[in-house]
Every structure is written in C-alpha cells, then in structure tokens.
Amino acid sequence: MDAEPRRKRTRPEDLPDPAEVVRLYNLGLSQQAIADKFGVSRNPIGRMVMAHGTPRSGKGRGVRQVQPCGTRAAYVRHLYASEVPCAACEEANNASTRDYGQASNWYAARSRAYQLLAKQFSDVFAVLLAEENELVRGEDGTPRVLRSRARARAHRRLAKLYPVEYDALFAAERAKVRPPP
C-alpha cells in the first residue's frame, strides 16, 4: 500500500491570491479542497481564510476581523509576520503593558488592605481563620495551599464584616500606587 507523498513546504510565491481563496471558501469549498486545487498545504489556506475571510453562515465559529494598526492585536500580528511594528502599534502595546501593571498594582493594594484590616481586627480575624482552617481540611491540596486558601477566605469574610473600614484602607493603599507616566 503506497503512502501519499508528503507535500513540500509551501513557499510564499507559490500561494494563491487570498481574494480567490476567500471567494472559493465562501462558495462552500473546504480549506482542504482549496489547498488541493492549488497544490499547496492546508495551513496557509486556513491562515488566509482567518485573515481575509468572512464567516460562513452556520458553519463553524466564523472568522475574526483583523484588528487595525494601533491595537495590541495588530502589534502581535506585526511580530508574527516578522515585521517591525509601526509606531501606532508600539504605542498600543506600551499602553497595554502599562494597564497590565496597573492591574497588578490594584491586586497588591487589595492584599495590603486585607492585611491591615486583619491587624486592625486581629481577634475577629483569628476566629474567622480558625473556622476557615476547619473548613478546608476536607479539600484537596497541600497543607500550604490549604492554609493560603483559608487565609484568603478569612480576609474576604473580614472585609465583608467591616466594609467601611476595608474600603477606607483599600482607597488609601490605592492612593500610594504610583500613577502611570
């Protein structure tokens, strides 16, 4: 029994026109059928359909629209295509990175507010922590994970018991965070 010969890697100059590929795809041909018609592998055909196509009604999940330059998605597309990102895409990526840093600062401020609240109401926190430690004993996880889980739950319960105090501590901690440049 003869195995089907492997196709060679498809060179960019061997690829068909993306508009023609999308036209055939929208007529109902599968990506494999289009690849066979042009004598290329299916992967570049699939990429063309994803990049240039429109969704077929009722077939699959459809095609995402290509984001314009000036977005993080376009920045990633430049890198994927081994291109130097344009200035608009660079700025969008920098803004995305700044936003990510601000989100992590938010989590750090929340954690510090929980810890300060636990110190302020240490007697209540000790009771809540003991209750949570009892509750997590039946759960899966290492002792360290279980202790961490119990502590996090006790912090959240304490914040619900003293919402005004927690909100004030959280606002104060957020104010300490350096604003983005």
N, C-alpha and C. Protein backbone atom coordinates (compact mmCIF):
# COMPACT_ATOMS: atom_id res chain seq x y z
N MET A 1 0.85 -1.17 0.00
CA MET A 1 0.00 0.00 0.00
C MET A 1 0.89 1.23 0.00
N ASP A 2 0.74 2.09 -0.99
CA ASP A 2 1.57 3.27 -1.14
C ASP A 2 1.02 4.41 -0.29
N ALA A 3 1.92 5.01 0.45
CA ALA A 3 1.53 6.17 1.25
C ALA A 3 1.53 7.39 0.35
N GLU A 4 0.64 8.30 0.64
CA GLU A 4 0.57 9.53 -0.15
C GLU A 4 1.84 10.34 0.11
N PRO A 5 2.49 10.83 -0.94
CA PRO A 5 3.73 11.58 -0.73
C PRO A 5 3.46 12.87 0.03
N ARG A 6 4.42 13.22 0.87
CA ARG A 6 4.29 14.46 1.64
C ARG A 6 4.46 15.65 0.72
N ARG A 7 3.70 16.66 1.00
CA ARG A 7 3.84 17.89 0.21
C ARG A 7 5.06 18.65 0.69
N LYS A 8 5.66 19.40 -0.20
CA LYS A 8 6.77 20.24 0.18
C LYS A 8 6.23 21.44 0.95
N ARG A 9 7.14 22.08 1.68
CA ARG A 9 6.73 23.31 2.36
C ARG A 9 6.31 24.32 1.31
N THR A 10 5.23 25.00 1.61
CA THR A 10 4.70 25.98 0.66
C THR A 10 5.48 27.28 0.77
N ARG A 11 6.05 27.70 -0.33
CA ARG A 11 6.77 28.97 -0.35
C ARG A 11 5.77 30.10 -0.58
N PRO A 12 6.04 31.29 -0.08
CA PRO A 12 5.10 32.41 -0.24
C PRO A 12 4.75 32.69 -1.69
N GLU A 13 5.72 32.54 -2.59
CA GLU A 13 5.43 32.83 -4.01
C GLU A 13 4.52 31.78 -4.65
N ASP A 14 4.38 30.60 -4.01
CA ASP A 14 3.50 29.56 -4.54
C ASP A 14 2.06 29.71 -4.08
N LEU A 15 1.81 30.60 -3.14
CA LEU A 15 0.47 30.74 -2.58
C LEU A 15 -0.46 31.44 -3.55
N PRO A 16 -1.72 31.03 -3.58
CA PRO A 16 -2.70 31.69 -4.45
C PRO A 16 -3.11 33.05 -3.88
N ASP A 17 -3.83 33.81 -4.67
CA ASP A 17 -4.33 35.11 -4.26
C ASP A 17 -5.33 34.94 -3.11
N PRO A 18 -5.15 35.65 -1.99
CA PRO A 18 -6.08 35.50 -0.85
C PRO A 18 -7.53 35.78 -1.22
N ALA A 19 -7.78 36.73 -2.11
CA ALA A 19 -9.16 37.04 -2.50
C ALA A 19 -9.81 35.83 -3.18
N GLU A 20 -9.03 35.12 -3.99
CA GLU A 20 -9.56 33.92 -4.67
C GLU A 20 -9.83 32.82 -3.66
N VAL A 21 -8.94 32.66 -2.70
CA VAL A 21 -9.12 31.64 -1.66
C VAL A 21 -10.40 31.92 -0.87
N VAL A 22 -10.59 33.16 -0.47
CA VAL A 22 -11.78 33.52 0.31
C VAL A 22 -13.03 33.34 -0.53
N ARG A 23 -12.96 33.70 -1.82
CA ARG A 23 -14.12 33.53 -2.71
C ARG A 23 -14.53 32.06 -2.77
N LEU A 24 -13.55 31.17 -2.96
CA LEU A 24 -13.86 29.74 -3.02
C LEU A 24 -14.37 29.22 -1.68
N TYR A 25 -13.79 29.71 -0.59
CA TYR A 25 -14.23 29.29 0.73
C TYR A 25 -15.68 29.70 0.98
N ASN A 26 -16.01 30.93 0.59
CA ASN A 26 -17.38 31.41 0.78
C ASN A 26 -18.37 30.72 -0.15
N LEU A 27 -17.87 30.13 -1.23
CA LEU A 27 -18.75 29.34 -2.10
C LEU A 27 -19.06 27.97 -1.49
N GLY A 28 -18.32 27.59 -0.45
CA GLY A 28 -18.63 26.34 0.24
C GLY A 28 -17.52 25.30 0.17
N LEU A 29 -16.42 25.59 -0.53
CA LEU A 29 -15.33 24.63 -0.58
C LEU A 29 -14.62 24.58 0.76
N SER A 30 -14.18 23.41 1.16
CA SER A 30 -13.43 23.29 2.40
C SER A 30 -12.01 23.81 2.18
N GLN A 31 -11.33 24.07 3.28
CA GLN A 31 -9.95 24.55 3.18
C GLN A 31 -9.08 23.49 2.52
N GLN A 32 -9.32 22.22 2.83
CA GLN A 32 -8.54 21.14 2.22
C GLN A 32 -8.77 21.07 0.72
N ALA A 33 -10.03 21.25 0.28
CA ALA A 33 -10.34 21.23 -1.15
C ALA A 33 -9.65 22.38 -1.87
N ILE A 34 -9.62 23.54 -1.26
CA ILE A 34 -8.94 24.68 -1.86
C ILE A 34 -7.44 24.42 -1.94
N ALA A 35 -6.88 23.85 -0.87
CA ALA A 35 -5.45 23.54 -0.86
C ALA A 35 -5.12 22.54 -1.97
N ASP A 36 -5.96 21.51 -2.14
CA ASP A 36 -5.74 20.52 -3.20
C ASP A 36 -5.83 21.16 -4.58
N LYS A 37 -6.77 22.08 -4.75
CA LYS A 37 -6.95 22.74 -6.05
C LYS A 37 -5.69 23.51 -6.46
N PHE A 38 -5.04 24.16 -5.48
CA PHE A 38 -3.86 24.95 -5.79
C PHE A 38 -2.55 24.19 -5.57
N GLY A 39 -2.63 22.97 -5.03
CA GLY A 39 -1.44 22.17 -4.83
C GLY A 39 -0.55 22.66 -3.70
N VAL A 40 -1.17 23.21 -2.67
CA VAL A 40 -0.41 23.69 -1.50
C VAL A 40 -0.94 23.00 -0.25
N SER A 41 -0.25 23.18 0.86
CA SER A 41 -0.73 22.58 2.10
C SER A 41 -1.91 23.39 2.64
N ARG A 42 -2.67 22.78 3.56
CA ARG A 42 -3.89 23.41 4.04
C ARG A 42 -3.61 24.57 5.01
N ASN A 43 -2.50 24.51 5.74
CA ASN A 43 -2.25 25.53 6.77
C ASN A 43 -2.25 26.97 6.23
N PRO A 44 -1.52 27.26 5.15
CA PRO A 44 -1.58 28.66 4.69
C PRO A 44 -2.96 29.05 4.18
N ILE A 45 -3.70 28.10 3.66
CA ILE A 45 -5.07 28.39 3.21
C ILE A 45 -5.92 28.78 4.42
N GLY A 46 -5.78 28.03 5.50
CA GLY A 46 -6.52 28.35 6.72
C GLY A 46 -6.16 29.72 7.25
N ARG A 47 -4.87 30.06 7.22
CA ARG A 47 -4.44 31.38 7.68
C ARG A 47 -5.02 32.49 6.80
N MET A 48 -5.08 32.25 5.49
CA MET A 48 -5.65 33.25 4.59
C MET A 48 -7.13 33.45 4.89
N VAL A 49 -7.84 32.37 5.10
CA VAL A 49 -9.27 32.47 5.39
C VAL A 49 -9.48 33.23 6.70
N MET A 50 -8.66 32.93 7.71
CA MET A 50 -8.79 33.62 9.00
C MET A 50 -8.46 35.10 8.87
N ALA A 51 -7.45 35.43 8.07
CA ALA A 51 -7.01 36.81 7.96
C ALA A 51 -7.87 37.65 7.04
N HIS A 52 -8.37 37.05 5.96
CA HIS A 52 -9.05 37.84 4.92
C HIS A 52 -10.50 37.47 4.72
N GLY A 53 -10.96 36.42 5.37
CA GLY A 53 -12.28 35.91 5.06
C GLY A 53 -13.40 36.54 5.85
N THR A 54 -14.58 36.09 5.54
CA THR A 54 -15.79 36.48 6.28
C THR A 54 -16.44 35.18 6.74
N PRO A 55 -17.18 35.22 7.83
CA PRO A 55 -17.76 33.98 8.33
C PRO A 55 -18.81 33.42 7.39
N ARG A 56 -18.82 32.09 7.29
CA ARG A 56 -19.88 31.41 6.55
C ARG A 56 -21.06 31.27 7.48
N SER A 57 -22.24 31.48 6.99
CA SER A 57 -23.41 31.39 7.87
C SER A 57 -23.61 29.95 8.31
N GLY A 58 -23.71 29.76 9.62
CA GLY A 58 -24.00 28.45 10.18
C GLY A 58 -22.85 27.46 10.14
N LYS A 59 -21.67 27.87 9.73
CA LYS A 59 -20.54 26.94 9.64
C LYS A 59 -19.46 27.36 10.62
N GLY A 60 -19.16 26.53 11.57
CA GLY A 60 -18.05 26.77 12.48
C GLY A 60 -18.23 28.02 13.31
N ARG A 61 -17.13 28.54 13.82
CA ARG A 61 -17.21 29.70 14.69
C ARG A 61 -17.03 31.00 13.93
N GLY A 62 -16.77 30.93 12.65
CA GLY A 62 -16.62 32.14 11.86
C GLY A 62 -15.19 32.63 11.86
N VAL A 63 -15.01 33.80 11.35
CA VAL A 63 -13.68 34.38 11.20
C VAL A 63 -13.63 35.68 11.97
N ARG A 64 -12.56 35.85 12.73
CA ARG A 64 -12.40 37.10 13.46
C ARG A 64 -11.92 38.18 12.50
N GLN A 65 -12.35 39.39 12.77
CA GLN A 65 -11.91 40.51 11.95
C GLN A 65 -10.47 40.87 12.32
N VAL A 66 -9.70 41.24 11.33
CA VAL A 66 -8.33 41.67 11.57
C VAL A 66 -8.38 43.06 12.20
N GLN A 67 -7.71 43.22 13.32
CA GLN A 67 -7.71 44.50 14.01
C GLN A 67 -6.80 45.48 13.28
N PRO A 68 -7.19 46.75 13.23
CA PRO A 68 -6.37 47.74 12.52
C PRO A 68 -5.11 48.09 13.31
N CYS A 69 -4.17 48.71 12.65
CA CYS A 69 -2.96 49.17 13.34
C CYS A 69 -3.35 50.14 14.44
N GLY A 70 -2.56 50.11 15.51
CA GLY A 70 -2.88 50.95 16.66
C GLY A 70 -3.55 50.15 17.76
N THR A 71 -3.55 48.82 17.63
CA THR A 71 -4.11 47.95 18.66
C THR A 71 -3.05 46.92 19.07
N ARG A 72 -3.24 46.32 20.22
CA ARG A 72 -2.29 45.29 20.69
C ARG A 72 -2.32 44.10 19.75
N ALA A 73 -3.50 43.75 19.24
CA ALA A 73 -3.60 42.62 18.31
C ALA A 73 -2.79 42.87 17.04
N ALA A 74 -2.81 44.10 16.55
CA ALA A 74 -2.02 44.43 15.36
C ALA A 74 -0.53 44.37 15.67
N TYR A 75 -0.15 44.78 16.88
CA TYR A 75 1.26 44.70 17.29
C TYR A 75 1.72 43.24 17.24
N VAL A 76 0.92 42.34 17.79
CA VAL A 76 1.26 40.91 17.79
C VAL A 76 1.30 40.39 16.36
N ARG A 77 0.38 40.86 15.52
CA ARG A 77 0.38 40.43 14.11
C ARG A 77 1.67 40.85 13.41
N HIS A 78 2.15 42.08 13.69
CA HIS A 78 3.43 42.52 13.13
C HIS A 78 4.55 41.56 13.54
N LEU A 79 4.61 41.24 14.82
CA LEU A 79 5.67 40.36 15.32
C LEU A 79 5.56 38.97 14.69
N TYR A 80 4.33 38.45 14.58
CA TYR A 80 4.12 37.13 14.00
C TYR A 80 4.59 37.09 12.55
N ALA A 81 4.43 38.21 11.86
CA ALA A 81 4.85 38.29 10.45
C ALA A 81 6.32 38.69 10.32
N SER A 82 7.05 38.73 11.44
CA SER A 82 8.47 39.11 11.46
C SER A 82 8.68 40.51 10.90
N GLU A 83 7.73 41.41 11.19
CA GLU A 83 7.84 42.79 10.75
C GLU A 83 8.19 43.66 11.95
N VAL A 84 8.71 44.82 11.67
CA VAL A 84 8.94 45.81 12.72
C VAL A 84 7.59 46.50 12.95
N PRO A 85 7.07 46.50 14.18
CA PRO A 85 5.76 47.13 14.43
C PRO A 85 5.80 48.62 14.14
N CYS A 86 4.70 49.14 13.62
CA CYS A 86 4.60 50.57 13.34
C CYS A 86 4.49 51.34 14.66
N ALA A 87 4.61 52.64 14.59
CA ALA A 87 4.60 53.48 15.79
C ALA A 87 3.27 53.37 16.54
N ALA A 88 2.16 53.33 15.80
CA ALA A 88 0.85 53.24 16.44
C ALA A 88 0.70 51.92 17.20
N CYS A 89 1.20 50.85 16.62
CA CYS A 89 1.11 49.55 17.28
C CYS A 89 2.05 49.49 18.49
N GLU A 90 3.22 50.10 18.37
CA GLU A 90 4.15 50.17 19.51
C GLU A 90 3.49 50.88 20.68
N GLU A 91 2.85 52.00 20.40
CA GLU A 91 2.18 52.77 21.47
C GLU A 91 1.04 51.96 22.08
N ALA A 92 0.29 51.24 21.25
CA ALA A 92 -0.81 50.42 21.77
C ALA A 92 -0.27 49.31 22.68
N ASN A 93 0.84 48.72 22.30
CA ASN A 93 1.44 47.68 23.13
C ASN A 93 1.94 48.26 24.45
N ASN A 94 2.58 49.44 24.39
CA ASN A 94 3.06 50.08 25.60
C ASN A 94 1.91 50.42 26.54
N ALA A 95 0.80 50.90 25.97
CA ALA A 95 -0.37 51.23 26.80
C ALA A 95 -0.94 49.96 27.45
N SER A 96 -0.96 48.87 26.69
CA SER A 96 -1.46 47.60 27.22
C SER A 96 -0.59 47.12 28.37
N THR A 97 0.72 47.28 28.21
CA THR A 97 1.64 46.87 29.27
C THR A 97 1.46 47.73 30.51
N ARG A 98 1.27 49.03 30.32
CA ARG A 98 1.01 49.92 31.46
C ARG A 98 -0.27 49.52 32.18
N ASP A 99 -1.33 49.22 31.40
CA ASP A 99 -2.60 48.81 32.01
C ASP A 99 -2.42 47.53 32.81
N TYR A 100 -1.63 46.60 32.28
CA TYR A 100 -1.39 45.35 33.00
C TYR A 100 -0.69 45.63 34.32
N GLY A 101 0.29 46.54 34.30
CA GLY A 101 0.99 46.90 35.53
C GLY A 101 0.05 47.54 36.54
N GLN A 102 -0.87 48.38 36.07
CA GLN A 102 -1.82 49.00 36.98
C GLN A 102 -2.74 47.96 37.59
N ALA A 103 -3.12 46.94 36.82
CA ALA A 103 -3.98 45.88 37.36
C ALA A 103 -3.25 45.13 38.47
N SER A 104 -1.97 44.85 38.27
CA SER A 104 -1.23 44.13 39.31
C SER A 104 -1.06 45.01 40.54
N ASN A 105 -0.94 46.34 40.35
CA ASN A 105 -0.88 47.26 41.49
C ASN A 105 -2.19 47.23 42.27
N TRP A 106 -3.30 47.08 41.56
CA TRP A 106 -4.60 47.01 42.20
C TRP A 106 -4.66 45.78 43.11
N TYR A 107 -4.17 44.64 42.60
CA TYR A 107 -4.19 43.41 43.40
C TYR A 107 -3.28 43.55 44.62
N ALA A 108 -2.15 44.18 44.46
CA ALA A 108 -1.23 44.38 45.59
C ALA A 108 -1.86 45.29 46.63
N ALA A 109 -2.54 46.35 46.19
CA ALA A 109 -3.20 47.26 47.13
C ALA A 109 -4.31 46.54 47.88
N ARG A 110 -5.04 45.70 47.18
CA ARG A 110 -6.10 44.93 47.84
C ARG A 110 -5.52 44.01 48.90
N SER A 111 -4.43 43.34 48.56
CA SER A 111 -3.78 42.44 49.50
C SER A 111 -3.29 43.18 50.74
N ARG A 112 -2.67 44.34 50.53
CA ARG A 112 -2.20 45.12 51.68
C ARG A 112 -3.37 45.60 52.53
N ALA A 113 -4.48 45.98 51.90
CA ALA A 113 -5.65 46.42 52.66
C ALA A 113 -6.20 45.27 53.50
N TYR A 114 -6.23 44.07 52.93
CA TYR A 114 -6.68 42.90 53.70
C TYR A 114 -5.78 42.68 54.92
N GLN A 115 -4.48 42.78 54.71
CA GLN A 115 -3.54 42.54 55.81
C GLN A 115 -3.68 43.59 56.91
N LEU A 116 -3.85 44.84 56.52
CA LEU A 116 -4.02 45.90 57.52
C LEU A 116 -5.33 45.73 58.29
N LEU A 117 -6.37 45.32 57.58
CA LEU A 117 -7.66 45.08 58.24
C LEU A 117 -7.54 43.92 59.22
N ALA A 118 -6.79 42.88 58.84
CA ALA A 118 -6.60 41.73 59.74
C ALA A 118 -5.83 42.15 60.99
N LYS A 119 -4.88 43.07 60.84
CA LYS A 119 -4.15 43.56 62.02
C LYS A 119 -5.05 44.42 62.90
N GLN A 120 -5.88 45.22 62.25
CA GLN A 120 -6.76 46.13 62.99
C GLN A 120 -7.80 45.35 63.81
N PHE A 121 -8.32 44.27 63.23
CA PHE A 121 -9.32 43.44 63.91
C PHE A 121 -8.76 42.03 64.10
N SER A 122 -7.62 41.94 64.77
CA SER A 122 -6.90 40.67 64.89
C SER A 122 -7.69 39.60 65.63
N ASP A 123 -8.46 39.99 66.65
CA ASP A 123 -9.23 38.99 67.40
C ASP A 123 -10.32 38.37 66.53
N VAL A 124 -11.03 39.18 65.75
CA VAL A 124 -12.08 38.66 64.86
C VAL A 124 -11.44 37.84 63.74
N PHE A 125 -10.32 38.33 63.21
CA PHE A 125 -9.65 37.60 62.13
C PHE A 125 -9.18 36.23 62.60
N ALA A 126 -8.69 36.14 63.83
CA ALA A 126 -8.23 34.85 64.37
C ALA A 126 -9.37 33.84 64.42
N VAL A 127 -10.55 34.28 64.82
CA VAL A 127 -11.71 33.39 64.86
C VAL A 127 -12.10 32.95 63.44
N LEU A 128 -12.15 33.90 62.53
CA LEU A 128 -12.50 33.57 61.13
C LEU A 128 -11.48 32.62 60.52
N LEU A 129 -10.21 32.85 60.79
CA LEU A 129 -9.16 31.99 60.24
C LEU A 129 -9.28 30.57 60.79
N ALA A 130 -9.57 30.44 62.08
CA ALA A 130 -9.74 29.11 62.67
C ALA A 130 -10.92 28.39 62.02
N GLU A 131 -12.02 29.10 61.79
CA GLU A 131 -13.18 28.50 61.12
C GLU A 131 -12.83 28.04 59.71
N GLU A 132 -12.13 28.89 58.97
CA GLU A 132 -11.78 28.55 57.59
C GLU A 132 -10.78 27.40 57.54
N ASN A 133 -9.85 27.34 58.50
CA ASN A 133 -8.91 26.21 58.54
C ASN A 133 -9.65 24.90 58.75
N GLU A 134 -10.71 24.92 59.56
CA GLU A 134 -11.52 23.71 59.76
C GLU A 134 -12.24 23.32 58.47
N LEU A 135 -12.74 24.32 57.76
CA LEU A 135 -13.50 24.04 56.54
C LEU A 135 -12.64 23.48 55.41
N VAL A 136 -11.37 23.90 55.32
CA VAL A 136 -10.54 23.47 54.19
C VAL A 136 -9.91 22.10 54.42
N ARG A 137 -10.03 21.56 55.59
CA ARG A 137 -9.37 20.27 55.88
C ARG A 137 -9.82 19.16 54.95
N GLY A 138 -11.06 19.17 54.54
CA GLY A 138 -11.56 18.12 53.66
C GLY A 138 -11.28 18.35 52.19
N GLU A 139 -10.70 19.49 51.85
CA GLU A 139 -10.45 19.81 50.45
C GLU A 139 -9.12 19.23 49.98
N ASP A 140 -8.99 19.13 48.66
CA ASP A 140 -7.74 18.64 48.07
C ASP A 140 -6.70 19.75 48.08
N GLY A 141 -5.45 19.36 48.25
CA GLY A 141 -4.37 20.33 48.17
C GLY A 141 -3.32 20.07 49.23
N THR A 142 -2.17 20.65 49.03
CA THR A 142 -1.09 20.51 50.00
C THR A 142 -1.43 21.36 51.22
N PRO A 143 -0.80 21.09 52.35
CA PRO A 143 -1.07 21.91 53.54
C PRO A 143 -0.83 23.40 53.31
N ARG A 144 0.20 23.73 52.55
CA ARG A 144 0.49 25.14 52.29
C ARG A 144 -0.64 25.78 51.47
N VAL A 145 -1.12 25.08 50.46
CA VAL A 145 -2.21 25.60 49.63
C VAL A 145 -3.47 25.76 50.48
N LEU A 146 -3.74 24.78 51.33
CA LEU A 146 -4.94 24.85 52.17
C LEU A 146 -4.87 26.03 53.15
N ARG A 147 -3.69 26.26 53.72
CA ARG A 147 -3.54 27.40 54.63
C ARG A 147 -3.75 28.72 53.88
N SER A 148 -3.20 28.80 52.69
CA SER A 148 -3.33 30.01 51.88
C SER A 148 -4.80 30.24 51.51
N ARG A 149 -5.49 29.18 51.13
CA ARG A 149 -6.90 29.27 50.77
C ARG A 149 -7.73 29.73 51.97
N ALA A 150 -7.46 29.16 53.13
CA ALA A 150 -8.20 29.53 54.34
C ALA A 150 -7.94 31.00 54.69
N ARG A 151 -6.70 31.42 54.58
CA ARG A 151 -6.35 32.81 54.90
C ARG A 151 -7.06 33.77 53.95
N ALA A 152 -7.09 33.46 52.66
CA ALA A 152 -7.76 34.33 51.68
C ALA A 152 -9.25 34.42 51.97
N ARG A 153 -9.86 33.29 52.30
CA ARG A 153 -11.29 33.31 52.62
C ARG A 153 -11.57 34.11 53.89
N ALA A 154 -10.70 33.96 54.88
CA ALA A 154 -10.88 34.71 56.13
C ALA A 154 -10.73 36.21 55.88
N HIS A 155 -9.79 36.60 55.02
CA HIS A 155 -9.64 38.01 54.68
C HIS A 155 -10.91 38.55 54.01
N ARG A 156 -11.45 37.79 53.07
CA ARG A 156 -12.66 38.25 52.37
C ARG A 156 -13.84 38.37 53.33
N ARG A 157 -13.98 37.39 54.23
CA ARG A 157 -15.07 37.44 55.20
C ARG A 157 -14.92 38.64 56.13
N LEU A 158 -13.70 38.94 56.55
CA LEU A 158 -13.45 40.08 57.42
C LEU A 158 -13.80 41.39 56.70
N ALA A 159 -13.46 41.46 55.42
CA ALA A 159 -13.77 42.66 54.64
C ALA A 159 -15.28 42.84 54.50
N LYS A 160 -16.01 41.74 54.44
CA LYS A 160 -17.49 41.84 54.37
C LYS A 160 -18.08 42.26 55.71
N LEU A 161 -17.43 41.86 56.79
CA LEU A 161 -17.91 42.25 58.12
C LEU A 161 -17.67 43.73 58.41
N TYR A 162 -16.56 44.27 57.88
CA TYR A 162 -16.19 45.66 58.12
C TYR A 162 -15.97 46.37 56.79
N PRO A 163 -17.04 46.56 55.99
CA PRO A 163 -16.85 47.12 54.64
C PRO A 163 -16.36 48.57 54.64
N VAL A 164 -16.81 49.38 55.58
CA VAL A 164 -16.41 50.79 55.59
C VAL A 164 -14.90 50.90 55.87
N GLU A 165 -14.44 50.14 56.86
CA GLU A 165 -13.03 50.17 57.21
C GLU A 165 -12.17 49.62 56.07
N TYR A 166 -12.65 48.53 55.48
CA TYR A 166 -11.90 47.94 54.36
C TYR A 166 -11.81 48.92 53.19
N ASP A 167 -12.94 49.55 52.84
CA ASP A 167 -12.93 50.49 51.72
C ASP A 167 -11.97 51.65 51.96
N ALA A 168 -11.92 52.14 53.21
CA ALA A 168 -11.00 53.24 53.52
C ALA A 168 -9.55 52.78 53.39
N LEU A 169 -9.24 51.57 53.89
CA LEU A 169 -7.87 51.06 53.78
C LEU A 169 -7.49 50.81 52.33
N PHE A 170 -8.41 50.27 51.57
CA PHE A 170 -8.15 49.98 50.16
C PHE A 170 -7.91 51.27 49.39
N ALA A 171 -8.72 52.29 49.65
CA ALA A 171 -8.54 53.59 48.97
C ALA A 171 -7.19 54.19 49.32
N ALA A 172 -6.80 54.07 50.58
CA ALA A 172 -5.51 54.61 50.99
C ALA A 172 -4.35 53.88 50.32
N GLU A 173 -4.47 52.56 50.21
CA GLU A 173 -3.42 51.78 49.55
C GLU A 173 -3.36 52.07 48.06
N ARG A 174 -4.51 52.26 47.45
CA ARG A 174 -4.54 52.60 46.02
C ARG A 174 -3.92 53.96 45.78
N ALA A 175 -4.10 54.87 46.72
CA ALA A 175 -3.52 56.22 46.57
C ALA A 175 -2.00 56.18 46.62
N LYS A 176 -1.44 55.17 47.28
CA LYS A 176 0.02 55.06 47.37
C LYS A 176 0.64 54.57 46.07
N VAL A 177 -0.17 53.93 45.23
CA VAL A 177 0.34 53.37 43.97
C VAL A 177 0.72 54.52 43.05
N ARG A 178 1.89 54.42 42.47
CA ARG A 178 2.37 55.46 41.55
C ARG A 178 1.54 55.43 40.28
N PRO A 179 0.98 56.58 39.88
CA PRO A 179 0.18 56.61 38.65
C PRO A 179 1.08 56.37 37.43
N PRO A 180 0.49 55.87 36.34
CA PRO A 180 1.31 55.60 35.14
C PRO A 180 1.86 56.89 34.55
N PRO A 181 3.02 56.80 33.88
CA PRO A 181 3.64 58.00 33.30
C PRO A 181 2.83 58.57 32.15
